[in-house]
C-alpha atoms as a PDB file:
ATOM      1  CA  MET A   1       0.147 -48.589 -12.484  1.00  0.00           C
ATOM      2  CA  GLY A   2      -2.536 -48.377  -9.766  1.00  0.00           C
ATOM      3  CA  ASN A   3      -4.837 -45.431  -9.113  1.00  0.00           C
ATOM      4  CA  GLU A   4      -3.016 -44.635  -5.864  1.00  0.00           C
ATOM      5  CA  ALA A   5       0.346 -44.359  -7.609  1.00  0.00           C
ATOM      6  CA  GLN A   6      -1.118 -42.232 -10.410  1.00  0.00           C
ATOM      7  CA  PHE A   7      -2.653 -39.868  -7.869  1.00  0.00           C
ATOM      8  CA  LEU A   8       0.636 -39.464  -5.993  1.00  0.00           C
ATOM      9  CA  ILE A   9       2.529 -38.745  -9.231  1.00  0.00           C
ATOM     10  CA  MET A  10      -0.041 -36.137 -10.258  1.00  0.00           C
ATOM     11  CA  LYS A  11       0.050 -34.545  -6.805  1.00  0.00           C
ATOM     12  CA  LYS A  12       3.863 -34.412  -6.783  1.00  0.00           C
ATOM     13  CA  SER A  13       3.974 -32.858 -10.244  1.00  0.00           C
ATOM     14  CA  LEU A  14       1.451 -30.206  -9.276  1.00  0.00           C
ATOM     15  CA  LEU A  15       3.333 -29.357  -6.102  1.00  0.00           C
ATOM     16  CA  GLN A  16       6.621 -29.088  -8.005  1.00  0.00           C
ATOM     17  CA  MET A  17       5.009 -26.832 -10.596  1.00  0.00           C
ATOM     18  CA  LEU A  18       3.535 -24.533  -7.967  1.00  0.00           C
ATOM     19  CA  MET A  19       6.841 -24.394  -6.094  1.00  0.00           C
ATOM     20  CA  ILE A  20       8.558 -23.279  -9.318  1.00  0.00           C
ATOM     21  CA  VAL A  21       5.856 -20.652  -9.905  1.00  0.00           C
ATOM     22  CA  ALA A  22       6.226 -19.402  -6.316  1.00  0.00           C
ATOM     23  CA  LEU A  23      10.019 -19.228  -6.681  1.00  0.00           C
ATOM     24  CA  ILE A  24       9.729 -17.253  -9.898  1.00  0.00           C
ATOM     25  CA  ALA A  25       7.196 -14.920  -8.246  1.00  0.00           C
ATOM     26  CA  GLN A  26       9.593 -14.314  -5.343  1.00  0.00           C
ATOM     27  CA  THR A  27      12.638 -13.614  -7.502  1.00  0.00           C
ATOM     28  CA  SER A  28      11.229 -11.905 -10.572  1.00  0.00           C
ATOM     29  CA  LYS A  29      10.225  -8.285 -11.053  1.00  0.00           C
ATOM     30  CA  ALA A  30       6.992  -7.362  -9.276  1.00  0.00           C
ATOM     31  CA  GLN A  31       3.939  -7.654 -11.471  1.00  0.00           C
ATOM     32  CA  THR A  32       1.504  -4.741 -11.665  1.00  0.00           C
ATOM     33  CA  ILE A  33      -2.188  -5.275 -10.908  1.00  0.00           C
ATOM     34  CA  THR A  34      -4.492  -2.581 -12.301  1.00  0.00           C
ATOM     35  CA  GLU A  35      -7.876  -1.721 -10.772  1.00  0.00           C
ATOM     36  CA  ASN A  36     -10.323   0.518 -12.663  1.00  0.00           C
ATOM     37  CA  PHE A  37     -12.682   3.098 -11.190  1.00  0.00           C
ATOM     38  CA  GLY A  38     -15.119   5.788 -12.288  1.00  0.00           C
ATOM     39  CA  SER A  39     -16.831   5.923 -15.665  1.00  0.00           C
ATOM     40  CA  GLY A  40     -16.758   7.849 -18.948  1.00  0.00           C
ATOM     41  CA  THR A  41     -14.564  10.934 -18.807  1.00  0.00           C
ATOM     42  CA  ASN A  42     -14.125  10.315 -15.058  1.00  0.00           C
ATOM     43  CA  ALA A  43     -12.612   6.845 -15.495  1.00  0.00           C
ATOM     44  CA  PHE A  44      -9.217   6.235 -13.900  1.00  0.00           C
ATOM     45  CA  SER A  45      -7.057   3.345 -12.725  1.00  0.00           C
ATOM     46  CA  ILE A  46      -4.683   2.525  -9.863  1.00  0.00           C
ATOM     47  CA  ASP A  47      -1.690   0.203 -10.171  1.00  0.00           C
ATOM     48  CA  PHE A  48      -0.888  -2.149  -7.290  1.00  0.00           C
ATOM     49  CA  VAL A  49       1.897  -4.595  -6.453  1.00  0.00           C
ATOM     50  CA  THR A  50       1.459  -7.646  -4.227  1.00  0.00           C
ATOM     51  CA  ILE A  51       3.327  -7.875  -0.937  1.00  0.00           C
ATOM     52  CA  GLY A  52       4.021 -11.535  -0.156  1.00  0.00           C
ATOM     53  CA  ASN A  53       6.071 -13.462   2.396  1.00  0.00           C
ATOM     54  CA  PRO A  54       3.211 -13.581   4.936  1.00  0.00           C
ATOM     55  CA  GLY A  55       4.202 -14.164   8.555  1.00  0.00           C
ATOM     56  CA  ASN A  56       7.588 -12.496   8.055  1.00  0.00           C
ATOM     57  CA  VAL A  57       9.747 -11.661  11.064  1.00  0.00           C
ATOM     58  CA  ALA A  58       9.484  -8.014  12.124  1.00  0.00           C
ATOM     59  CA  ASP A  59      12.316  -5.522  11.766  1.00  0.00           C
ATOM     60  CA  THR A  60      13.799  -4.419  15.092  1.00  0.00           C
ATOM     61  CA  THR A  61      16.037  -1.641  13.785  1.00  0.00           C
ATOM     62  CA  GLY A  62      13.462   0.961  12.733  1.00  0.00           C
ATOM     63  CA  ALA A  63      10.444   2.777  14.175  1.00  0.00           C
ATOM     64  CA  PRO A  64       8.181   1.723  15.636  1.00  0.00           C
ATOM     65  CA  ASN A  65      10.127  -1.174  17.086  1.00  0.00           C
ATOM     66  CA  PRO A  66       9.333  -3.884  16.088  1.00  0.00           C
ATOM     67  CA  ALA A  67       7.673  -3.102  12.752  1.00  0.00           C
ATOM     68  CA  GLY A  68       6.740  -4.655   9.415  1.00  0.00           C
ATOM     69  CA  SER A  69       5.472  -8.110  10.346  1.00  0.00           C
ATOM     70  CA  VAL A  70       2.307  -8.888   8.350  1.00  0.00           C
ATOM     71  CA  ASN A  71       0.783 -12.380   8.345  1.00  0.00           C
ATOM     72  CA  TYR A  72      -1.214 -12.113   5.110  1.00  0.00           C
ATOM     73  CA  TYR A  73      -0.845 -11.198   1.457  1.00  0.00           C
ATOM     74  CA  TYR A  74      -1.971  -7.701   0.455  1.00  0.00           C
ATOM     75  CA  ASN A  75      -1.611  -5.244  -2.417  1.00  0.00           C
ATOM     76  CA  ILE A  76      -0.292  -1.715  -2.125  1.00  0.00           C
ATOM     77  CA  GLY A  77      -0.250   1.138  -4.615  1.00  0.00           C
ATOM     78  CA  LYS A  78       2.818   1.079  -6.811  1.00  0.00           C
ATOM     79  CA  TYR A  79       2.611   4.861  -6.877  1.00  0.00           C
ATOM     80  CA  GLU A  80       1.243   7.644  -4.711  1.00  0.00           C
ATOM     81  CA  VAL A  81      -2.295   8.776  -5.499  1.00  0.00           C
ATOM     82  CA  SER A  82      -2.277  11.441  -8.224  1.00  0.00           C
ATOM     83  CA  ARG A  83      -4.166  14.704  -8.571  1.00  0.00           C
ATOM     84  CA  ASP A  84      -6.037  13.311 -11.572  1.00  0.00           C
ATOM     85  CA  GLN A  85      -7.237  10.319  -9.531  1.00  0.00           C
ATOM     86  CA  ILE A  86      -8.609  12.665  -6.875  1.00  0.00           C
ATOM     87  CA  ILE A  87     -10.211  15.063  -9.356  1.00  0.00           C
ATOM     88  CA  LYS A  88     -11.995  12.276 -11.228  1.00  0.00           C
ATOM     89  CA  ALA A  89     -13.157  10.633  -7.992  1.00  0.00           C
ATOM     90  CA  ASN A  90     -14.491  14.019  -6.871  1.00  0.00           C
ATOM     91  CA  LEU A  91     -16.457  14.412 -10.089  1.00  0.00           C
ATOM     92  CA  ASP A  92     -17.725  10.840 -10.130  1.00  0.00           C
ATOM     93  CA  GLY A  93     -18.508  10.515  -6.428  1.00  0.00           C
ATOM     94  CA  GLY A  94     -19.103  14.073  -5.233  1.00  0.00           C
ATOM     95  CA  LEU A  95     -16.411  13.695  -2.551  1.00  0.00           C
ATOM     96  CA  GLY A  96     -15.500  17.364  -2.143  1.00  0.00           C
ATOM     97  CA  ILE A  97     -11.823  16.625  -1.521  1.00  0.00           C
ATOM     98  CA  THR A  98      -9.621  19.726  -1.782  1.00  0.00           C
ATOM     99  CA  LEU A  99      -6.075  19.816  -3.145  1.00  0.00           C
ATOM    100  CA  SER A 100      -3.194  22.197  -2.518  1.00  0.00           C
ATOM    101  CA  ASP A 101      -2.684  24.756  -5.254  1.00  0.00           C
ATOM    102  CA  MET A 102       0.767  23.713  -6.485  1.00  0.00           C
ATOM    103  CA  SER A 103       0.971  26.214  -9.360  1.00  0.00           C
ATOM    104  CA  SER A 104       3.888  28.066  -7.765  1.00  0.00           C
ATOM    105  CA  TYR A 105       5.842  24.797  -7.937  1.00  0.00           C
ATOM    106  CA  GLY A 106       4.631  23.861 -11.416  1.00  0.00           C
ATOM    107  CA  ALA A 107       2.991  20.784  -9.933  1.00  0.00           C
ATOM    108  CA  ASN A 108      -0.717  21.061 -10.721  1.00  0.00           C
ATOM    109  CA  GLY A 109      -0.519  18.476 -13.502  1.00  0.00           C
ATOM    110  CA  GLY A 110      -2.793  15.462 -13.350  1.00  0.00           C
ATOM    111  CA  ASN A 111       0.059  12.977 -12.896  1.00  0.00           C
ATOM    112  CA  MET A 112       1.567  14.893 -10.002  1.00  0.00           C
ATOM    113  CA  PRO A 113       1.010  13.540  -6.472  1.00  0.00           C
ATOM    114  CA  ALA A 114      -2.168  14.671  -4.746  1.00  0.00           C
ATOM    115  CA  THR A 115      -1.072  16.997  -1.931  1.00  0.00           C
ATOM    116  CA  GLY A 116      -2.897  18.970   0.721  1.00  0.00           C
ATOM    117  CA  ILE A 117      -4.844  15.799   1.491  1.00  0.00           C
ATOM    118  CA  SER A 118      -5.918  15.229   5.079  1.00  0.00           C
ATOM    119  CA  TRP A 119      -6.191  11.712   6.507  1.00  0.00           C
ATOM    120  CA  LEU A 120      -9.942  12.175   6.668  1.00  0.00           C
ATOM    121  CA  GLU A 121     -10.065  13.070   2.955  1.00  0.00           C
ATOM    122  CA  ALA A 122      -7.868  10.090   2.097  1.00  0.00           C
ATOM    123  CA  ALA A 123     -10.270   7.851   4.035  1.00  0.00           C
ATOM    124  CA  LYS A 124     -13.254   9.300   2.130  1.00  0.00           C
ATOM    125  CA  TYR A 125     -11.454   8.603  -1.142  1.00  0.00           C
ATOM    126  CA  VAL A 126     -10.828   4.987  -0.096  1.00  0.00           C
ATOM    127  CA  ASN A 127     -14.488   4.583   0.861  1.00  0.00           C
ATOM    128  CA  TYR A 128     -15.434   5.759  -2.639  1.00  0.00           C
ATOM    129  CA  LEU A 129     -13.110   3.165  -4.175  1.00  0.00           C
ATOM    130  CA  ASN A 130     -14.889   0.479  -2.167  1.00  0.00           C
ATOM    131  CA  THR A 131     -18.454   1.498  -2.924  1.00  0.00           C
ATOM    132  CA  SER A 132     -17.667   1.908  -6.626  1.00  0.00           C
ATOM    133  CA  HIS A 133     -16.562  -1.747  -6.611  1.00  0.00           C
ATOM    134  CA  GLY A 134     -19.572  -2.934  -4.629  1.00  0.00           C
ATOM    135  CA  SER A 135     -17.594  -3.429  -1.403  1.00  0.00           C
ATOM    136  CA  SER A 136     -18.267  -2.178   2.108  1.00  0.00           C
ATOM    137  CA  VAL A 137     -16.668   1.099   3.149  1.00  0.00           C
ATOM    138  CA  ALA A 138     -13.409   0.800   5.053  1.00  0.00           C
ATOM    139  CA  TYR A 139     -13.950   3.718   7.443  1.00  0.00           C
ATOM    140  CA  LYS A 140     -16.887   4.907   9.501  1.00  0.00           C
ATOM    141  CA  ILE A 141     -17.231   8.574   8.558  1.00  0.00           C
ATOM    142  CA  SER A 142     -20.165  10.907   9.037  1.00  0.00           C
ATOM    143  CA  GLY A 143     -19.612  14.385   7.613  1.00  0.00           C
ATOM    144  CA  ASN A 144     -16.173  15.298   8.912  1.00  0.00           C
ATOM    145  CA  GLN A 145     -16.330  12.962  11.884  1.00  0.00           C
ATOM    146  CA  PHE A 146     -14.409   9.672  11.993  1.00  0.00           C
ATOM    147  CA  THR A 147     -15.348   6.950  14.486  1.00  0.00           C
ATOM    148  CA  PRO A 148     -13.765   3.488  14.915  1.00  0.00           C
ATOM    149  CA  TRP A 149     -15.993   0.480  14.290  1.00  0.00           C
ATOM    150  CA  GLY A 150     -17.836  -0.954  17.288  1.00  0.00           C
ATOM    151  CA  SER A 151     -17.747  -4.559  18.468  1.00  0.00           C
ATOM    152  CA  THR A 152     -21.404  -5.139  17.526  1.00  0.00           C
ATOM    153  CA  GLU A 153     -21.012  -3.907  13.928  1.00  0.00           C
ATOM    154  CA  ILE A 154     -20.529  -6.205  10.951  1.00  0.00           C
ATOM    155  CA  GLY A 155     -16.905  -6.224   9.818  1.00  0.00           C
ATOM    156  CA  TYR A 156     -15.502  -5.240  13.218  1.00  0.00           C
ATOM    157  CA  ASN A 157     -11.928  -6.363  13.838  1.00  0.00           C
ATOM    158  CA  PRO A 158     -10.757  -6.271  17.476  1.00  0.00           C
ATOM    159  CA  ASN A 159      -7.144  -6.039  16.278  1.00  0.00           C
ATOM    160  CA  ASN A 160      -7.861  -2.998  14.094  1.00  0.00           C
ATOM    161  CA  ASN A 161     -11.122  -1.198  14.765  1.00  0.00           C
ATOM    162  CA  PHE A 162     -10.283   1.517  12.225  1.00  0.00           C
ATOM    163  CA  ARG A 163     -10.780  -0.725   9.165  1.00  0.00           C
ATOM    164  CA  ASN A 164     -13.849  -2.770   8.275  1.00  0.00           C
ATOM    165  CA  THR A 165     -12.859  -6.324   7.357  1.00  0.00           C
ATOM    166  CA  LEU A 166     -15.387  -6.386   4.477  1.00  0.00           C
ATOM    167  CA  ALA A 167     -13.617  -3.539   2.633  1.00  0.00           C
ATOM    168  CA  LYS A 168     -11.400  -4.269  -0.358  1.00  0.00           C
ATOM    169  CA  PHE A 169      -9.477  -0.978  -0.397  1.00  0.00           C
ATOM    170  CA  PHE A 170      -7.925   0.795   2.585  1.00  0.00           C
ATOM    171  CA  LEU A 171      -5.059   2.950   3.814  1.00  0.00           C
ATOM    172  CA  PRO A 172      -2.035   0.899   4.872  1.00  0.00           C
ATOM    173  CA  THR A 173      -1.282   0.329   8.528  1.00  0.00           C
ATOM    174  CA  VAL A 174       2.201   1.254   9.694  1.00  0.00           C
ATOM    175  CA  ASP A 175       3.245  -2.416   9.394  1.00  0.00           C
ATOM    176  CA  GLU A 176       1.804  -2.799   5.886  1.00  0.00           C
ATOM    177  CA  TRP A 177       3.434   0.436   4.741  1.00  0.00           C
ATOM    178  CA  TYR A 178       6.763  -0.389   6.440  1.00  0.00           C
ATOM    179  CA  LYS A 179       6.999  -3.890   4.954  1.00  0.00           C
ATOM    180  CA  ALA A 180       6.326  -2.646   1.414  1.00  0.00           C
ATOM    181  CA  ALA A 181       8.920   0.124   1.815  1.00  0.00           C
ATOM    182  CA  TYR A 182      11.815  -1.468   3.675  1.00  0.00           C
ATOM    183  CA  GLY A 183      11.198  -5.212   3.378  1.00  0.00           C
ATOM    184  CA  THR A 184      12.083  -7.785   0.735  1.00  0.00           C
ATOM    185  CA  PRO A 185      10.389 -10.949  -0.552  1.00  0.00           C
ATOM    186  CA  ASN A 186      13.074 -13.037   1.193  1.00  0.00           C
ATOM    187  CA  GLY A 187      12.583 -11.364   4.573  1.00  0.00           C
ATOM    188  CA  ASN A 188      15.594  -9.028   4.653  1.00  0.00           C
ATOM    189  CA  TRP A 189      15.302  -5.378   5.671  1.00  0.00           C
ATOM    190  CA  TYR A 190      16.845  -2.196   4.315  1.00  0.00           C
ATOM    191  CA  LYS A 191      17.236   1.245   5.849  1.00  0.00           C
ATOM    192  CA  TYR A 192      15.817   3.018   2.788  1.00  0.00           C
ATOM    193  CA  SER A 193      12.851   2.213   0.564  1.00  0.00           C
ATOM    194  CA  THR A 194      15.043   1.861  -2.520  1.00  0.00           C
ATOM    195  CA  GLY A 195      16.521  -1.446  -1.360  1.00  0.00           C
ATOM    196  CA  SER A 196      19.666   0.094   0.096  1.00  0.00           C
ATOM    197  CA  ASP A 197      21.278   0.940   3.421  1.00  0.00           C
ATOM    198  CA  THR A 198      22.812   3.993   1.753  1.00  0.00           C
ATOM    199  CA  ALA A 199      20.732   7.149   1.351  1.00  0.00           C
ATOM    200  CA  PRO A 200      19.288   7.482  -2.175  1.00  0.00           C
ATOM    201  CA  THR A 201      20.833   9.948  -4.601  1.00  0.00           C
ATOM    202  CA  VAL A 202      18.889  13.211  -4.789  1.00  0.00           C
ATOM    203  CA  VAL A 203      17.107  13.752  -8.129  1.00  0.00           C
ATOM    204  CA  ASP A 204      14.397  16.058  -9.459  1.00  0.00           C
ATOM    205  CA  GLN A 205      12.793  13.069 -11.167  1.00  0.00           C
ATOM    206  CA  GLY A 206      13.673   9.795 -12.852  1.00  0.00           C
ATOM    207  CA  THR A 207      13.587   6.057 -12.153  1.00  0.00           C
ATOM    208  CA  ASP A 208      17.227   5.086 -11.662  1.00  0.00           C
ATOM    209  CA  PRO A 209      17.893   2.612  -8.826  1.00  0.00           C
ATOM    210  CA  ASN A 210      18.473   4.109  -5.369  1.00  0.00           C
ATOM    211  CA  THR A 211      17.319   7.602  -6.301  1.00  0.00           C
ATOM    212  CA  ALA A 212      14.594   9.699  -4.675  1.00  0.00           C
ATOM    213  CA  VAL A 213      13.041  13.177  -4.839  1.00  0.00           C
ATOM    214  CA  TRP A 214      14.087  14.776  -1.553  1.00  0.00           C
ATOM    215  CA  ASN A 215      16.355  17.389   0.062  1.00  0.00           C
ATOM    216  CA  ASN A 216      14.958  20.759  -1.020  1.00  0.00           C
ATOM    217  CA  ARG A 217      13.800  19.982  -4.549  1.00  0.00           C
ATOM    218  CA  ASN A 218      11.820  22.748  -6.236  1.00  0.00           C
ATOM    219  CA  SER A 219       8.833  20.496  -6.925  1.00  0.00           C
ATOM    220  CA  PRO A 220       7.526  16.984  -6.478  1.00  0.00           C
ATOM    221  CA  ALA A 221       7.920  14.629  -9.429  1.00  0.00           C
ATOM    222  CA  PRO A 222       5.181  12.818 -11.392  1.00  0.00           C
ATOM    223  CA  ILE A 223       4.057   9.777  -9.441  1.00  0.00           C
ATOM    224  CA  ASP A 224       5.567   7.331 -11.965  1.00  0.00           C
ATOM    225  CA  ASN A 225       8.874   9.194 -12.319  1.00  0.00           C
ATOM    226  CA  ALA A 226       9.785   9.770  -8.690  1.00  0.00           C
ATOM    227  CA  GLY A 227      12.824   7.587  -8.029  1.00  0.00           C
ATOM    228  CA  GLY A 228      14.006   3.999  -7.799  1.00  0.00           C
ATOM    229  CA  LEU A 229      11.737   1.129  -6.793  1.00  0.00           C
ATOM    230  CA  SER A 230      11.638  -0.757  -3.524  1.00  0.00           C
ATOM    231  CA  PRO A 231      12.423  -4.517  -3.620  1.00  0.00           C
ATOM    232  CA  TYR A 232       8.667  -5.153  -3.755  1.00  0.00           C
ATOM    233  CA  GLY A 233       8.240  -2.716  -6.654  1.00  0.00           C
ATOM    234  CA  THR A 234       6.776   0.436  -5.068  1.00  0.00           C
ATOM    235  CA  MET A 235       7.967   3.920  -5.994  1.00  0.00           C
ATOM    236  CA  ALA A 236       8.592   6.963  -3.770  1.00  0.00           C
ATOM    237  CA  GLN A 237       7.865   5.521  -0.353  1.00  0.00           C
ATOM    238  CA  GLY A 238      10.934   7.599   0.418  1.00  0.00           C
ATOM    239  CA  GLY A 239      10.671  11.164  -0.873  1.00  0.00           C
ATOM    240  CA  ASN A 240       8.248  13.020  -3.154  1.00  0.00           C
ATOM    241  CA  VAL A 241       5.468  13.355  -0.535  1.00  0.00           C
ATOM    242  CA  PHE A 242       4.891  12.208   3.021  1.00  0.00           C
ATOM    243  CA  GLU A 243       2.205   9.517   3.210  1.00  0.00           C
ATOM    244  CA  TRP A 244      -0.599   8.906   5.695  1.00  0.00           C
ATOM    245  CA  ASN A 245      -0.779   5.591   7.544  1.00  0.00           C
ATOM    246  CA  GLU A 246      -3.844   4.080   9.182  1.00  0.00           C
ATOM    247  CA  THR A 247      -2.168   3.657  12.594  1.00  0.00           C
ATOM    248  CA  ILE A 248      -2.321   5.848  15.687  1.00  0.00           C
ATOM    249  CA  SER A 249       1.001   7.574  16.382  1.00  0.00           C
ATOM    250  CA  PRO A 250       3.055   6.030  19.214  1.00  0.00           C
ATOM    251  CA  ASN A 251       3.821   9.631  20.265  1.00  0.00           C
ATOM    252  CA  ASN A 252       0.157  10.124  21.074  1.00  0.00           C
ATOM    253  CA  ASN A 253       0.067   9.751  24.826  1.00  0.00           C
ATOM    254  CA  SER A 254      -3.703  10.113  25.030  1.00  0.00           C
ATOM    255  CA  ALA A 255      -4.379   7.411  22.365  1.00  0.00           C
ATOM    256  CA  ASN A 256      -6.447   9.979  20.480  1.00  0.00           C
ATOM    257  CA  VAL A 257      -7.800   8.325  17.327  1.00  0.00           C
ATOM    258  CA  ASP A 258      -7.338  11.642  15.502  1.00  0.00           C
ATOM    259  CA  TYR A 259      -3.517  11.610  15.746  1.00  0.00           C
ATOM    260  CA  LEU A 260      -2.030   9.298  13.116  1.00  0.00           C
ATOM    261  CA  ILE A 261       1.293   8.305  11.565  1.00  0.00           C
ATOM    262  CA  ILE A 262       2.785  10.058   8.515  1.00  0.00           C
ATOM    263  CA  ARG A 263       6.044   8.855   6.999  1.00  0.00           C
ATOM    264  CA  GLY A 264       8.300   8.697   3.967  1.00  0.00           C
ATOM    265  CA  GLY A 265       9.908  12.125   3.542  1.00  0.00           C
ATOM    266  CA  ALA A 266       9.060  14.782   0.945  1.00  0.00           C
ATOM    267  CA  TRP A 267      10.428  16.772  -1.982  1.00  0.00           C
ATOM    268  CA  GLY A 268      10.826  20.136  -0.246  1.00  0.00           C
ATOM    269  CA  TYR A 269      12.358  19.086   3.057  1.00  0.00           C
ATOM    270  CA  GLY A 270      16.034  19.864   3.583  1.00  0.00           C
ATOM    271  CA  ILE A 271      16.758  18.294   6.960  1.00  0.00           C
ATOM    272  CA  GLY A 272      18.653  15.308   5.622  1.00  0.00           C
ATOM    273  CA  ALA A 273      18.010  11.683   4.769  1.00  0.00           C
ATOM    274  CA  ALA A 274      16.702  10.955   8.257  1.00  0.00           C
ATOM    275  CA  THR A 275      13.158  11.718   7.066  1.00  0.00           C
ATOM    276  CA  LEU A 276      13.439   8.876   4.549  1.00  0.00           C
ATOM    277  CA  ASP A 277      14.881   6.053   6.601  1.00  0.00           C
ATOM    278  CA  SER A 278      13.146   3.262   8.494  1.00  0.00           C
ATOM    279  CA  SER A 279      13.656   4.991  11.857  1.00  0.00           C
ATOM    280  CA  SER A 280      11.817   8.162  10.829  1.00  0.00           C
ATOM    281  CA  LEU A 281       8.266   8.538  12.088  1.00  0.00           C
ATOM    282  CA  SER A 282       6.052  11.618  11.979  1.00  0.00           C
ATOM    283  CA  HIS A 283       2.396  12.248  12.799  1.00  0.00           C
ATOM    284  CA  GLY A 284      -0.513  14.604  12.353  1.00  0.00           C
ATOM    285  CA  TYR A 285      -4.177  15.178  13.138  1.00  0.00           C
ATOM    286  CA  ILE A 286      -6.655  13.659  10.695  1.00  0.00           C
ATOM    287  CA  SER A 287      -7.749  17.123   9.519  1.00  0.00           C
ATOM    288  CA  LEU A 288      -4.199  18.331   8.744  1.00  0.00           C
ATOM    289  CA  GLU A 289      -3.727  19.470   5.125  1.00  0.00           C
ATOM    290  CA  TYR A 290      -0.220  20.275   3.950  1.00  0.00           C
ATOM    291  CA  GLU A 291       1.412  20.681   0.545  1.00  0.00           C
ATOM    292  CA  PHE A 292       3.983  18.000   1.424  1.00  0.00           C
ATOM    293  CA  HIS A 293       1.393  15.376   2.456  1.00  0.00           C
ATOM    294  CA  GLY A 294      -0.235  12.743   0.237  1.00  0.00           C
ATOM    295  CA  PHE A 295      -0.995   9.022   0.434  1.00  0.00           C
ATOM    296  CA  ARG A 296      -1.170   5.678  -1.331  1.00  0.00           C
ATOM    297  CA  VAL A 297      -3.873   3.003  -1.255  1.00  0.00           C
ATOM    298  CA  ALA A 298      -3.679  -0.668  -0.266  1.00  0.00           C
ATOM    299  CA  SER A 299      -6.083  -3.498  -1.027  1.00  0.00           C
ATOM    300  CA  VAL A 300      -7.022  -7.126  -0.519  1.00  0.00           C
ATOM    301  CA  PRO A 301      -5.398  -9.243  -3.259  1.00  0.00           C
ATOM    302  CA  GLU A 302      -7.056 -11.644  -5.631  1.00  0.00           C
ATOM    303  CA  PRO A 303      -7.015 -15.318  -4.575  1.00  0.00           C
ATOM    304  CA  SER A 304      -3.415 -16.440  -4.136  1.00  0.00           C
ATOM    305  CA  ALA A 305      -1.576 -19.430  -5.508  1.00  0.00           C
ATOM    306  CA  LEU A 306      -2.295 -21.125  -2.190  1.00  0.00           C
ATOM    307  CA  SER A 307      -6.000 -20.954  -2.941  1.00  0.00           C
ATOM    308  CA  LEU A 308      -5.372 -22.391  -6.397  1.00  0.00           C
ATOM    309  CA  LEU A 309      -3.314 -25.127  -4.795  1.00  0.00           C
ATOM    310  CA  SER A 310      -6.154 -25.968  -2.451  1.00  0.00           C
ATOM    311  CA  ILE A 311      -8.635 -26.083  -5.327  1.00  0.00           C
ATOM    312  CA  SER A 312      -6.312 -28.199  -7.445  1.00  0.00           C
ATOM    313  CA  LEU A 313      -5.576 -30.681  -4.698  1.00  0.00           C
ATOM    314  CA  GLY A 314      -9.273 -30.839  -3.939  1.00  0.00           C
ATOM    315  CA  GLY A 315      -9.907 -31.689  -7.573  1.00  0.00           C
ATOM    316  CA  LEU A 316      -7.264 -34.390  -7.472  1.00  0.00           C
ATOM    317  CA  ALA A 317      -8.832 -35.821  -4.350  1.00  0.00           C
ATOM    318  CA  MET A 318     -12.202 -36.057  -6.124  1.00  0.00           C
ATOM    319  CA  VAL A 319     -10.540 -37.789  -9.077  1.00  0.00           C
ATOM    320  CA  ARG A 320      -8.951 -40.190  -6.642  1.00  0.00           C
ATOM    321  CA  ARG A 321     -12.252 -40.960  -4.951  1.00  0.00           C
ATOM    322  CA  ARG A 322     -13.990 -41.516  -8.273  1.00  0.00           C
ATOM    323  CA  ARG A 323     -11.268 -43.900  -9.399  1.00  0.00           C
ATOM    324  CA  SER A 324     -11.175 -45.823  -6.135  1.00  0.00           C
END
């Protein structure tokens, strides 16, 4: 058998193997990626899941309309950020982030969601995550003043001047958040973030499918016990606490950079499932702190299978050239 034929057989086998791996990745349970931060007694970790299907078609049934089309892979927090993660970041990085006193709700435990967090505080927390990993900050913050990145600054992105392109960790845009909540690996959309078009069953806590902590509960639930998972593997994007997005609210007629999207519903709201569904959109000023508001973190993923494919095919090409 000639070198050319051997190369083609090797290439075909590799492609078939990677296609099988990709199929398994699309159909199997989402894998958790853990990132570590802090040190010593202030060490903590955040679990992420990867959101694939880049270049997906947007949803035209929710808000904003269209929404959820993202043309790249990214990771998003499997859970909301916890009080313990904020407290340890404060101690390790001197961030000065304040939390709501949730003692009257029995929710001051370390694994409870961090509430009373303003968008500005969430952005400071994300900047700490970046610098502790040796990355550039995501957001341009001086004191309590946020400013978008300018066109002459390194890492400027004309399509999103909020986020520096050199940052690894960031707050999700409305499209990134929406896709992780209501989308699926095969491109379908659901009305609720539990992979259903039917409102989730109300629970105080638990992980049963199509359940969520909403509709006048007495307390939020621990971040890892707050309802059923989305098709991508995230928990509590509907219910438990509202979550900050990185995107300016479409209801902001003046395009004020201080008026941003909040979505997802919360434990103590009793105005129905409308706060949870894909058409629900709220907003607030970056300094707003409220006991029903929290957030989750997103990040740039590790090199994807496509990168490995490129490397592997490159290696095969070198073998081919050497054998020619």
